[in-house]
N, C-alpha and C. Protein backbone atom coordinates (compact mmCIF):
# COMPACT_ATOMS: atom_id res chain seq x y z
N UNK A 1 113.21 43.14 104.51
CA UNK A 1 112.17 44.09 104.11
C UNK A 1 112.79 45.45 103.82
N UNK A 2 112.20 46.18 102.85
CA UNK A 2 112.71 47.49 102.50
C UNK A 2 111.59 48.52 102.54
N UNK A 3 110.99 48.78 103.71
CA UNK A 3 109.88 49.73 103.74
C UNK A 3 110.27 51.13 103.33
N UNK A 4 111.55 51.47 103.52
CA UNK A 4 111.99 52.82 103.17
C UNK A 4 111.90 53.08 101.67
N UNK A 5 111.93 52.04 100.85
CA UNK A 5 111.86 52.23 99.41
C UNK A 5 110.52 52.78 98.97
N UNK A 6 109.48 52.53 99.77
CA UNK A 6 108.15 52.98 99.40
C UNK A 6 107.82 54.37 99.90
N UNK A 7 108.65 54.92 100.75
CA UNK A 7 108.32 56.18 101.39
C UNK A 7 108.31 57.31 100.36
N UNK A 8 107.20 58.04 100.31
CA UNK A 8 107.06 59.12 99.34
C UNK A 8 107.11 60.50 100.00
N UNK A 9 106.98 60.58 101.32
CA UNK A 9 106.93 61.88 101.96
C UNK A 9 105.50 62.35 102.09
N UNK A 10 105.29 63.23 103.05
CA UNK A 10 103.93 63.64 103.40
C UNK A 10 103.24 64.39 102.27
N UNK A 11 103.98 65.16 101.47
CA UNK A 11 103.36 66.00 100.46
C UNK A 11 103.35 65.37 99.07
N UNK A 12 103.88 64.18 98.95
CA UNK A 12 103.94 63.55 97.65
C UNK A 12 102.72 62.67 97.40
N UNK A 13 102.39 62.52 96.15
CA UNK A 13 101.35 61.58 95.75
C UNK A 13 101.79 60.89 94.47
N UNK A 14 101.18 59.75 94.23
CA UNK A 14 101.58 58.92 93.10
C UNK A 14 100.43 58.81 92.12
N UNK A 15 100.74 58.87 90.84
CA UNK A 15 99.80 58.62 89.75
C UNK A 15 100.18 57.30 89.09
N UNK A 16 99.18 56.60 88.56
CA UNK A 16 99.40 55.33 87.88
C UNK A 16 99.00 55.47 86.41
N UNK A 17 99.87 55.02 85.52
CA UNK A 17 99.62 55.09 84.09
C UNK A 17 99.34 53.66 83.62
N UNK A 18 98.07 53.35 83.46
CA UNK A 18 97.61 52.01 83.12
C UNK A 18 96.51 51.61 84.07
N UNK A 19 95.28 51.52 83.56
CA UNK A 19 94.11 51.35 84.43
C UNK A 19 93.50 49.95 84.32
N UNK A 20 94.29 48.97 83.89
CA UNK A 20 93.80 47.60 83.81
C UNK A 20 94.01 46.85 85.12
N UNK A 21 93.98 45.51 85.04
CA UNK A 21 94.12 44.69 86.22
C UNK A 21 95.43 44.89 86.95
N UNK A 22 96.52 45.03 86.20
CA UNK A 22 97.83 45.26 86.83
C UNK A 22 97.82 46.56 87.62
N UNK A 23 97.19 47.58 87.07
CA UNK A 23 97.09 48.85 87.78
C UNK A 23 96.33 48.73 89.09
N UNK A 24 95.28 47.92 89.10
CA UNK A 24 94.51 47.71 90.34
C UNK A 24 95.37 47.08 91.43
N UNK A 25 96.19 46.11 91.03
CA UNK A 25 97.06 45.45 92.01
C UNK A 25 98.06 46.44 92.59
N UNK A 26 98.67 47.25 91.72
CA UNK A 26 99.64 48.24 92.20
C UNK A 26 98.97 49.27 93.10
N UNK A 27 97.77 49.69 92.74
CA UNK A 27 97.02 50.62 93.59
C UNK A 27 96.91 50.08 95.01
N UNK A 28 96.51 48.83 95.14
CA UNK A 28 96.30 48.28 96.48
C UNK A 28 97.61 48.09 97.24
N UNK A 29 98.70 47.81 96.53
CA UNK A 29 100.01 47.76 97.18
C UNK A 29 100.35 49.11 97.80
N UNK A 30 100.14 50.18 97.05
CA UNK A 30 100.45 51.51 97.55
C UNK A 30 99.53 51.90 98.70
N UNK A 31 98.26 51.56 98.58
CA UNK A 31 97.32 51.89 99.65
C UNK A 31 97.65 51.16 100.94
N UNK A 32 98.11 49.90 100.85
CA UNK A 32 98.53 49.18 102.05
C UNK A 32 99.70 49.88 102.74
N UNK A 33 100.49 50.60 101.97
CA UNK A 33 101.62 51.35 102.51
C UNK A 33 101.23 52.79 102.84
N UNK A 34 99.91 53.05 102.86
CA UNK A 34 99.32 54.37 103.19
C UNK A 34 99.83 55.49 102.28
N UNK A 35 100.18 55.15 101.06
CA UNK A 35 100.54 56.17 100.09
C UNK A 35 99.29 56.70 99.38
N UNK A 36 99.33 57.97 99.03
CA UNK A 36 98.22 58.58 98.34
C UNK A 36 98.34 58.38 96.83
N UNK A 37 97.33 57.74 96.24
CA UNK A 37 97.26 57.60 94.79
C UNK A 37 96.23 58.60 94.28
N UNK A 38 96.69 59.53 93.44
CA UNK A 38 95.83 60.65 93.03
C UNK A 38 94.95 60.32 91.84
N UNK A 39 95.35 59.35 91.01
CA UNK A 39 94.52 59.05 89.86
C UNK A 39 95.22 58.12 88.88
N UNK A 40 94.41 57.61 87.95
CA UNK A 40 94.88 56.75 86.88
C UNK A 40 94.89 57.52 85.56
N UNK A 41 95.94 57.32 84.78
CA UNK A 41 95.96 57.71 83.37
C UNK A 41 95.85 56.45 82.52
N UNK A 42 95.23 56.59 81.36
CA UNK A 42 95.17 55.47 80.41
C UNK A 42 94.73 56.04 79.08
N UNK A 43 95.26 55.47 77.98
CA UNK A 43 94.92 55.97 76.65
C UNK A 43 93.63 55.38 76.11
N UNK A 44 93.08 54.42 76.81
CA UNK A 44 91.81 53.82 76.37
C UNK A 44 90.64 54.75 76.67
N UNK A 45 89.65 54.75 75.78
CA UNK A 45 88.46 55.59 75.98
C UNK A 45 87.36 54.86 76.73
N UNK A 46 87.57 53.59 77.04
CA UNK A 46 86.51 52.78 77.64
C UNK A 46 86.72 52.51 79.12
N UNK A 47 87.49 53.34 79.80
CA UNK A 47 87.75 53.18 81.22
C UNK A 47 86.64 53.86 82.03
N UNK A 48 86.14 53.23 83.08
CA UNK A 48 85.13 53.90 83.92
C UNK A 48 85.71 55.13 84.61
N UNK A 49 84.84 55.97 85.14
CA UNK A 49 85.27 57.23 85.76
C UNK A 49 86.09 57.00 87.02
N UNK A 50 85.90 55.86 87.67
CA UNK A 50 86.70 55.53 88.83
C UNK A 50 87.13 54.07 88.77
N UNK A 51 88.33 53.81 89.29
CA UNK A 51 88.85 52.44 89.40
C UNK A 51 89.12 52.19 90.88
N UNK A 52 88.32 51.33 91.49
CA UNK A 52 88.44 51.04 92.92
C UNK A 52 88.46 52.33 93.75
N UNK A 53 87.61 53.27 93.35
CA UNK A 53 87.47 54.52 94.09
C UNK A 53 88.44 55.61 93.72
N UNK A 54 89.37 55.34 92.80
CA UNK A 54 90.37 56.33 92.38
C UNK A 54 89.98 56.89 91.02
N UNK A 55 90.02 58.21 90.84
CA UNK A 55 89.54 58.80 89.58
C UNK A 55 90.38 58.43 88.37
N UNK A 56 89.68 58.21 87.25
CA UNK A 56 90.33 58.05 85.95
C UNK A 56 90.47 59.41 85.32
N UNK A 57 91.68 59.77 84.90
CA UNK A 57 91.99 61.13 84.45
C UNK A 57 92.20 61.23 82.95
N UNK A 58 91.92 60.16 82.22
CA UNK A 58 92.12 60.18 80.77
C UNK A 58 93.56 59.94 80.40
N UNK A 59 93.95 60.39 79.21
CA UNK A 59 95.33 60.25 78.75
C UNK A 59 96.28 61.05 79.64
N UNK A 60 97.57 60.68 79.60
CA UNK A 60 98.53 61.30 80.50
C UNK A 60 98.58 62.81 80.31
N UNK A 61 98.60 63.53 81.44
CA UNK A 61 98.66 64.99 81.45
C UNK A 61 99.78 65.43 82.38
N UNK A 62 100.88 65.83 81.79
CA UNK A 62 102.05 66.24 82.56
C UNK A 62 101.71 67.34 83.57
N UNK A 63 100.82 68.25 83.19
CA UNK A 63 100.54 69.41 84.03
C UNK A 63 99.84 69.05 85.34
N UNK A 64 99.29 67.86 85.45
CA UNK A 64 98.64 67.46 86.70
C UNK A 64 99.63 67.06 87.78
N UNK A 65 100.85 66.75 87.38
CA UNK A 65 101.85 66.33 88.36
C UNK A 65 102.61 67.53 88.90
N UNK A 66 102.66 67.64 90.22
CA UNK A 66 103.48 68.66 90.85
C UNK A 66 104.92 68.17 90.95
N UNK A 67 105.81 69.04 91.37
CA UNK A 67 107.24 68.70 91.34
C UNK A 67 107.59 67.53 92.25
N UNK A 68 106.81 67.32 93.32
CA UNK A 68 107.11 66.23 94.24
C UNK A 68 106.35 64.94 93.92
N UNK A 69 105.51 64.96 92.90
CA UNK A 69 104.68 63.79 92.58
C UNK A 69 105.48 62.74 91.80
N UNK A 70 104.99 61.50 91.86
CA UNK A 70 105.64 60.38 91.18
C UNK A 70 104.64 59.63 90.31
N UNK A 71 105.19 58.82 89.44
CA UNK A 71 104.38 58.04 88.50
C UNK A 71 104.91 56.60 88.49
N UNK A 72 104.00 55.64 88.33
CA UNK A 72 104.37 54.26 88.05
C UNK A 72 103.63 53.84 86.79
N UNK A 73 104.34 53.25 85.84
CA UNK A 73 103.72 52.75 84.62
C UNK A 73 103.16 51.36 84.93
N UNK A 74 101.85 51.27 85.05
CA UNK A 74 101.19 50.02 85.46
C UNK A 74 100.60 49.32 84.24
N UNK A 75 101.49 48.99 83.32
CA UNK A 75 101.16 48.27 82.09
C UNK A 75 101.95 46.97 82.09
N UNK A 76 101.28 45.84 81.95
CA UNK A 76 101.95 44.56 82.05
C UNK A 76 102.84 44.22 80.87
N UNK A 77 102.51 44.70 79.67
CA UNK A 77 103.29 44.40 78.48
C UNK A 77 104.64 45.12 78.55
N UNK A 78 105.72 44.35 78.48
CA UNK A 78 107.05 44.93 78.68
C UNK A 78 107.43 45.97 77.65
N UNK A 79 107.17 45.69 76.38
CA UNK A 79 107.57 46.63 75.33
C UNK A 79 106.74 47.91 75.38
N UNK A 80 105.45 47.80 75.69
CA UNK A 80 104.61 48.99 75.81
C UNK A 80 105.05 49.81 77.02
N UNK A 81 105.37 49.12 78.12
CA UNK A 81 105.84 49.83 79.31
C UNK A 81 107.11 50.62 79.01
N UNK A 82 108.03 50.02 78.24
CA UNK A 82 109.24 50.74 77.88
C UNK A 82 108.93 51.93 76.98
N UNK A 83 108.06 51.76 76.01
CA UNK A 83 107.71 52.85 75.09
C UNK A 83 107.12 54.03 75.84
N UNK A 84 106.22 53.76 76.77
CA UNK A 84 105.62 54.84 77.55
C UNK A 84 106.66 55.52 78.42
N UNK A 85 107.46 54.73 79.09
CA UNK A 85 108.43 55.27 80.04
C UNK A 85 109.43 56.20 79.36
N UNK A 86 109.93 55.78 78.21
CA UNK A 86 110.96 56.57 77.54
C UNK A 86 110.41 57.84 76.89
N UNK A 87 109.11 57.99 76.87
CA UNK A 87 108.50 59.20 76.29
C UNK A 87 108.20 60.26 77.32
N UNK A 88 108.44 59.98 78.61
CA UNK A 88 108.04 60.88 79.68
C UNK A 88 109.24 61.46 80.42
N UNK A 89 109.08 62.67 80.92
CA UNK A 89 110.08 63.31 81.78
C UNK A 89 109.43 63.55 83.14
N UNK A 90 109.38 62.50 83.94
CA UNK A 90 108.75 62.56 85.26
C UNK A 90 109.60 61.78 86.26
N UNK A 91 109.24 61.91 87.53
CA UNK A 91 109.87 61.10 88.57
C UNK A 91 109.07 59.82 88.76
N UNK A 92 109.76 58.70 88.89
CA UNK A 92 109.09 57.42 89.03
C UNK A 92 109.22 56.91 90.46
N UNK A 93 108.20 56.16 90.89
CA UNK A 93 108.18 55.56 92.22
C UNK A 93 108.31 54.05 92.11
N UNK A 94 108.52 53.40 93.25
CA UNK A 94 108.46 51.95 93.37
C UNK A 94 107.18 51.57 94.11
N UNK A 95 106.77 50.32 93.96
CA UNK A 95 105.68 49.78 94.77
C UNK A 95 106.10 48.39 95.24
N UNK A 96 106.26 48.22 96.53
CA UNK A 96 106.72 46.96 97.10
C UNK A 96 105.72 46.52 98.16
N UNK A 97 105.09 45.39 97.93
CA UNK A 97 104.05 44.89 98.85
C UNK A 97 104.65 44.62 100.22
N UNK A 98 103.87 44.89 101.26
CA UNK A 98 104.34 44.67 102.62
C UNK A 98 104.62 43.19 102.90
N UNK A 99 103.93 42.30 102.20
CA UNK A 99 104.10 40.88 102.43
C UNK A 99 105.16 40.31 101.48
N UNK A 100 106.38 40.80 101.60
CA UNK A 100 107.51 40.32 100.81
C UNK A 100 108.72 40.17 101.70
N UNK A 101 109.72 39.43 101.22
CA UNK A 101 111.04 39.49 101.83
C UNK A 101 112.00 39.98 100.76
N UNK A 102 112.61 41.13 101.02
CA UNK A 102 113.64 41.68 100.14
C UNK A 102 114.88 41.90 101.00
N UNK A 103 115.94 41.18 100.71
CA UNK A 103 117.16 41.30 101.50
C UNK A 103 117.65 42.75 101.55
N UNK A 104 118.22 43.16 102.68
CA UNK A 104 118.77 44.52 102.77
C UNK A 104 119.85 44.83 101.74
N UNK A 105 120.50 43.79 101.20
CA UNK A 105 121.56 44.02 100.21
C UNK A 105 121.04 44.04 98.77
N UNK A 106 119.74 43.91 98.59
CA UNK A 106 119.14 43.95 97.25
C UNK A 106 118.99 45.40 96.81
N UNK A 107 119.25 45.64 95.53
CA UNK A 107 119.05 46.97 94.94
C UNK A 107 117.84 46.91 94.04
N UNK A 108 116.88 47.80 94.28
CA UNK A 108 115.65 47.87 93.49
C UNK A 108 115.56 49.26 92.86
N UNK A 109 115.55 49.32 91.53
CA UNK A 109 115.52 50.60 90.83
C UNK A 109 114.10 51.14 90.71
N UNK A 110 114.00 52.36 90.18
CA UNK A 110 112.72 53.07 90.14
C UNK A 110 111.76 52.49 89.11
N UNK A 111 110.47 52.66 89.39
CA UNK A 111 109.42 52.19 88.50
C UNK A 111 109.08 50.73 88.68
N UNK A 112 109.82 50.04 89.53
CA UNK A 112 109.64 48.60 89.70
C UNK A 112 108.52 48.29 90.69
N UNK A 113 107.83 47.20 90.43
CA UNK A 113 106.71 46.74 91.26
C UNK A 113 107.01 45.33 91.75
N UNK A 114 106.88 45.10 93.05
CA UNK A 114 107.10 43.79 93.65
C UNK A 114 105.82 43.39 94.37
N UNK A 115 105.23 42.27 93.96
CA UNK A 115 103.92 41.85 94.45
C UNK A 115 104.03 41.04 95.74
N UNK A 116 102.87 40.67 96.27
CA UNK A 116 102.77 39.92 97.52
C UNK A 116 103.45 38.55 97.42
N UNK A 117 104.08 38.14 98.52
CA UNK A 117 104.64 36.81 98.63
C UNK A 117 105.98 36.60 97.96
N UNK A 118 106.57 37.65 97.42
CA UNK A 118 107.85 37.54 96.72
C UNK A 118 108.99 37.40 97.74
N UNK A 119 110.01 36.65 97.36
CA UNK A 119 111.24 36.54 98.14
C UNK A 119 112.42 36.84 97.23
N UNK A 120 113.26 37.81 97.65
CA UNK A 120 114.44 38.18 96.87
C UNK A 120 115.64 38.17 97.81
N UNK A 121 116.63 37.35 97.50
CA UNK A 121 117.75 37.13 98.42
C UNK A 121 118.97 37.98 98.08
N UNK A 122 120.01 37.80 98.88
CA UNK A 122 121.14 38.71 98.98
C UNK A 122 121.80 39.04 97.64
N UNK A 123 122.23 40.32 97.55
CA UNK A 123 123.08 40.83 96.47
C UNK A 123 122.45 40.72 95.08
N UNK A 124 121.14 40.70 95.03
CA UNK A 124 120.43 40.72 93.75
C UNK A 124 120.16 42.16 93.34
N UNK A 125 120.16 42.41 92.04
CA UNK A 125 119.85 43.73 91.49
C UNK A 125 118.61 43.62 90.61
N UNK A 126 117.62 44.47 90.89
CA UNK A 126 116.39 44.54 90.11
C UNK A 126 116.38 45.86 89.38
N UNK A 127 116.26 45.84 88.05
CA UNK A 127 116.38 47.05 87.24
C UNK A 127 115.17 47.96 87.32
N UNK A 128 115.12 48.90 86.40
CA UNK A 128 114.05 49.89 86.32
C UNK A 128 112.80 49.31 85.66
N UNK A 129 111.63 49.65 86.21
CA UNK A 129 110.34 49.32 85.59
C UNK A 129 110.16 47.81 85.39
N UNK A 130 110.61 47.05 86.37
CA UNK A 130 110.49 45.60 86.38
C UNK A 130 109.22 45.21 87.13
N UNK A 131 108.61 44.08 86.76
CA UNK A 131 107.52 43.48 87.52
C UNK A 131 108.01 42.17 88.10
N UNK A 132 107.97 42.06 89.43
CA UNK A 132 108.23 40.79 90.11
C UNK A 132 106.88 40.36 90.69
N UNK A 133 106.28 39.36 90.09
CA UNK A 133 104.87 39.08 90.35
C UNK A 133 104.69 38.11 91.52
N UNK A 134 103.43 37.88 91.87
CA UNK A 134 103.02 37.22 93.10
C UNK A 134 103.76 35.89 93.33
N UNK A 135 104.35 35.77 94.53
CA UNK A 135 105.00 34.55 94.99
C UNK A 135 106.22 34.12 94.18
N UNK A 136 106.77 35.02 93.38
CA UNK A 136 108.02 34.69 92.68
C UNK A 136 109.17 34.59 93.69
N UNK A 137 110.16 33.75 93.36
CA UNK A 137 111.33 33.55 94.22
C UNK A 137 112.60 33.83 93.42
N UNK A 138 113.41 34.75 93.93
CA UNK A 138 114.65 35.13 93.26
C UNK A 138 115.79 34.97 94.26
N UNK A 139 116.71 34.08 93.96
CA UNK A 139 117.77 33.77 94.92
C UNK A 139 118.92 34.78 94.80
N UNK A 140 120.00 34.50 95.51
CA UNK A 140 121.11 35.43 95.66
C UNK A 140 121.81 35.74 94.33
N UNK A 141 122.37 36.94 94.25
CA UNK A 141 123.27 37.35 93.17
C UNK A 141 122.64 37.31 91.78
N UNK A 142 121.34 37.45 91.72
CA UNK A 142 120.68 37.54 90.41
C UNK A 142 120.70 38.98 89.90
N UNK A 143 120.52 39.12 88.60
CA UNK A 143 120.46 40.44 87.98
C UNK A 143 119.29 40.44 87.01
N UNK A 144 118.28 41.27 87.29
CA UNK A 144 117.07 41.36 86.47
C UNK A 144 117.10 42.68 85.72
N UNK A 145 117.11 42.63 84.39
CA UNK A 145 117.24 43.82 83.58
C UNK A 145 115.99 44.67 83.54
N UNK A 146 116.16 45.91 83.08
CA UNK A 146 115.05 46.85 82.95
C UNK A 146 113.90 46.25 82.14
N UNK A 147 112.68 46.56 82.55
CA UNK A 147 111.44 46.20 81.82
C UNK A 147 111.17 44.70 81.75
N UNK A 148 111.89 43.91 82.55
CA UNK A 148 111.61 42.48 82.60
C UNK A 148 110.36 42.21 83.44
N UNK A 149 109.84 40.99 83.34
CA UNK A 149 108.68 40.56 84.12
C UNK A 149 108.92 39.12 84.56
N UNK A 150 108.99 38.91 85.87
CA UNK A 150 109.09 37.58 86.45
C UNK A 150 107.70 37.23 86.98
N UNK A 151 107.05 36.27 86.37
CA UNK A 151 105.62 36.00 86.59
C UNK A 151 105.37 35.24 87.90
N UNK A 152 104.08 35.11 88.28
CA UNK A 152 103.75 34.43 89.53
C UNK A 152 104.36 33.03 89.63
N UNK A 153 104.89 32.75 90.83
CA UNK A 153 105.43 31.44 91.18
C UNK A 153 106.66 31.02 90.37
N UNK A 154 107.24 31.92 89.59
CA UNK A 154 108.50 31.61 88.92
C UNK A 154 109.62 31.55 89.94
N UNK A 155 110.63 30.74 89.65
CA UNK A 155 111.75 30.54 90.57
C UNK A 155 113.07 30.70 89.84
N UNK A 156 113.85 31.70 90.26
CA UNK A 156 115.18 31.91 89.71
C UNK A 156 116.19 31.49 90.76
N UNK A 157 117.03 30.53 90.44
CA UNK A 157 118.08 30.08 91.36
C UNK A 157 119.20 31.12 91.41
N UNK A 158 120.23 30.85 92.20
CA UNK A 158 121.29 31.82 92.40
C UNK A 158 122.05 32.17 91.14
N UNK A 159 122.47 33.44 91.07
CA UNK A 159 123.35 33.95 90.01
C UNK A 159 122.75 33.81 88.61
N UNK A 160 121.45 34.00 88.51
CA UNK A 160 120.76 34.02 87.22
C UNK A 160 120.70 35.46 86.71
N UNK A 161 120.92 35.63 85.41
CA UNK A 161 120.76 36.93 84.77
C UNK A 161 119.56 36.87 83.83
N UNK A 162 118.70 37.88 83.93
CA UNK A 162 117.54 38.01 83.05
C UNK A 162 117.69 39.34 82.31
N UNK A 163 117.74 39.31 80.99
CA UNK A 163 118.00 40.50 80.20
C UNK A 163 116.81 41.46 80.11
N UNK A 164 117.10 42.63 79.59
CA UNK A 164 116.08 43.67 79.42
C UNK A 164 114.86 43.13 78.68
N UNK A 165 113.68 43.43 79.21
CA UNK A 165 112.44 43.15 78.53
C UNK A 165 112.02 41.70 78.49
N UNK A 166 112.77 40.82 79.10
CA UNK A 166 112.45 39.39 79.04
C UNK A 166 111.27 39.06 79.95
N UNK A 167 110.42 38.14 79.49
CA UNK A 167 109.27 37.67 80.26
C UNK A 167 109.53 36.24 80.70
N UNK A 168 109.54 36.03 82.02
CA UNK A 168 109.69 34.69 82.60
C UNK A 168 108.30 34.24 83.03
N UNK A 169 107.77 33.21 82.39
CA UNK A 169 106.38 32.80 82.57
C UNK A 169 106.08 32.22 83.93
N UNK A 170 104.79 32.12 84.23
CA UNK A 170 104.33 31.63 85.52
C UNK A 170 104.85 30.22 85.79
N UNK A 171 105.41 30.02 86.98
CA UNK A 171 105.87 28.71 87.38
C UNK A 171 107.14 28.22 86.72
N UNK A 172 107.79 29.05 85.93
CA UNK A 172 109.05 28.64 85.30
C UNK A 172 110.15 28.50 86.36
N UNK A 173 111.11 27.63 86.08
CA UNK A 173 112.24 27.40 86.98
C UNK A 173 113.53 27.58 86.19
N UNK A 174 114.45 28.36 86.75
CA UNK A 174 115.75 28.59 86.10
C UNK A 174 116.84 28.11 87.05
N UNK A 175 117.70 27.19 86.58
CA UNK A 175 118.75 26.64 87.45
C UNK A 175 119.87 27.67 87.64
N UNK A 176 120.77 27.44 88.60
CA UNK A 176 121.81 28.44 88.90
C UNK A 176 122.71 28.78 87.72
N UNK A 177 123.12 30.06 87.71
CA UNK A 177 124.15 30.60 86.81
C UNK A 177 123.75 30.58 85.34
N UNK A 178 122.47 30.55 85.07
CA UNK A 178 121.99 30.64 83.69
C UNK A 178 121.88 32.11 83.28
N UNK A 179 122.26 32.38 82.04
CA UNK A 179 122.13 33.72 81.45
C UNK A 179 120.98 33.69 80.44
N UNK A 180 119.99 34.56 80.66
CA UNK A 180 118.87 34.71 79.73
C UNK A 180 118.99 36.08 79.09
N UNK A 181 119.02 36.12 77.77
CA UNK A 181 119.24 37.37 77.05
C UNK A 181 118.07 38.32 77.08
N UNK A 182 118.18 39.38 76.31
CA UNK A 182 117.14 40.43 76.30
C UNK A 182 115.95 40.04 75.43
N UNK A 183 114.79 40.50 75.85
CA UNK A 183 113.53 40.35 75.12
C UNK A 183 113.25 38.90 74.74
N UNK A 184 113.67 38.01 75.60
CA UNK A 184 113.33 36.59 75.44
C UNK A 184 111.99 36.30 76.11
N UNK A 185 111.41 35.15 75.81
CA UNK A 185 110.17 34.71 76.43
C UNK A 185 110.37 33.29 76.95
N UNK A 186 110.18 33.15 78.26
CA UNK A 186 110.27 31.83 78.89
C UNK A 186 108.85 31.38 79.18
N UNK A 187 108.41 30.28 78.58
CA UNK A 187 107.04 29.84 78.71
C UNK A 187 106.68 29.42 80.12
N UNK A 188 105.39 29.46 80.42
CA UNK A 188 104.90 29.04 81.73
C UNK A 188 105.32 27.60 82.00
N UNK A 189 105.87 27.36 83.19
CA UNK A 189 106.26 26.02 83.59
C UNK A 189 107.54 25.49 82.97
N UNK A 190 108.21 26.29 82.16
CA UNK A 190 109.45 25.83 81.54
C UNK A 190 110.54 25.64 82.59
N UNK A 191 111.47 24.72 82.30
CA UNK A 191 112.63 24.49 83.16
C UNK A 191 113.87 24.84 82.33
N UNK A 192 114.56 25.89 82.73
CA UNK A 192 115.67 26.42 81.94
C UNK A 192 116.98 25.92 82.53
N UNK A 193 117.68 25.09 81.77
CA UNK A 193 118.91 24.44 82.24
C UNK A 193 120.16 24.94 81.53
N UNK A 194 120.00 25.81 80.53
CA UNK A 194 121.16 26.36 79.83
C UNK A 194 120.83 27.78 79.36
N UNK A 195 121.86 28.50 78.93
CA UNK A 195 121.69 29.90 78.55
C UNK A 195 120.68 30.05 77.42
N UNK A 196 120.01 31.20 77.43
CA UNK A 196 118.98 31.52 76.43
C UNK A 196 119.40 32.77 75.68
N UNK A 197 119.48 32.74 74.35
CA UNK A 197 119.90 33.92 73.59
C UNK A 197 118.81 34.99 73.52
N UNK A 198 119.22 36.19 73.09
CA UNK A 198 118.27 37.29 72.90
C UNK A 198 117.11 36.86 71.99
N UNK A 199 115.91 37.32 72.33
CA UNK A 199 114.71 37.18 71.50
C UNK A 199 114.20 35.74 71.37
N UNK A 200 114.80 34.80 72.07
CA UNK A 200 114.36 33.41 71.96
C UNK A 200 113.07 33.17 72.73
N UNK A 201 112.23 32.28 72.21
CA UNK A 201 111.04 31.80 72.89
C UNK A 201 111.30 30.36 73.30
N UNK A 202 111.26 30.10 74.61
CA UNK A 202 111.66 28.80 75.15
C UNK A 202 110.50 28.20 75.93
N UNK A 203 110.19 26.93 75.67
CA UNK A 203 109.12 26.24 76.38
C UNK A 203 109.58 24.84 76.77
N UNK A 204 108.86 24.24 77.72
CA UNK A 204 109.06 22.83 78.01
C UNK A 204 110.05 22.54 79.11
N UNK A 205 110.18 21.22 79.41
CA UNK A 205 111.09 20.71 80.42
C UNK A 205 111.85 19.51 79.85
N UNK A 206 113.14 19.67 79.55
CA UNK A 206 113.92 20.90 79.68
C UNK A 206 113.55 21.90 78.58
N UNK A 207 113.83 23.17 78.84
CA UNK A 207 113.45 24.21 77.90
C UNK A 207 114.10 24.08 76.54
N UNK A 208 113.30 24.28 75.49
CA UNK A 208 113.81 24.24 74.12
C UNK A 208 113.34 25.49 73.38
N UNK A 209 114.21 26.01 72.54
CA UNK A 209 113.86 27.19 71.73
C UNK A 209 112.93 26.74 70.60
N UNK A 210 111.77 27.42 70.48
CA UNK A 210 110.83 27.08 69.41
C UNK A 210 110.80 28.14 68.33
N UNK A 211 111.24 29.35 68.64
CA UNK A 211 111.29 30.41 67.63
C UNK A 211 112.00 31.61 68.23
N UNK A 212 112.17 32.65 67.38
CA UNK A 212 112.74 33.92 67.82
C UNK A 212 111.76 35.04 67.47
N UNK A 213 111.72 36.04 68.33
CA UNK A 213 110.95 37.25 68.03
C UNK A 213 111.93 38.41 67.99
N UNK A 214 111.50 39.54 67.43
CA UNK A 214 112.35 40.72 67.35
C UNK A 214 111.54 41.95 67.69
N UNK A 215 112.10 42.76 68.60
CA UNK A 215 111.42 44.01 68.99
C UNK A 215 111.62 45.04 67.89
């Protein structure tokens, strides 16, 4: 467990940028850790005035953040999350659910969210603004690139690399020592037995490339 990663200090508060379902989950993770969430930002005009009791503040307003405040981009889409993040000059926080196992030797970068039931084993590195979703399992010596998303119940065996922006679908399984490139898409339930190139879309058991996308 890494409870110290969530510590914000008595005078700090966190804002969330993204008021959809993903934002609600992150809100509750922070609240379980007794962190103060000051409000939601979102560019949509159809957001209610409050989300689970937390005020909606409209589009992002830099002036609302004090020097000790933090932000988490709570947008599930990897490319949109990267676009928002790279446009801001703010301090970012992490959100790690209390019901997780994160080895003491794991490195978790800023902006990353780790959901309930996740297990991450020794010497793994999790990049910036990553989503590790509910009940995902990540074994030893893995490397997860910035803006990636490992979906619920996905399983990464030891020494797997997941490139920047890649989405690993729900229930997917990746065997040991596989390299998955950047901005790839691994379909739900896929079984990945060999390396995956950048931008590839892979589905099935065993996984097969069906097309390529380009950011």
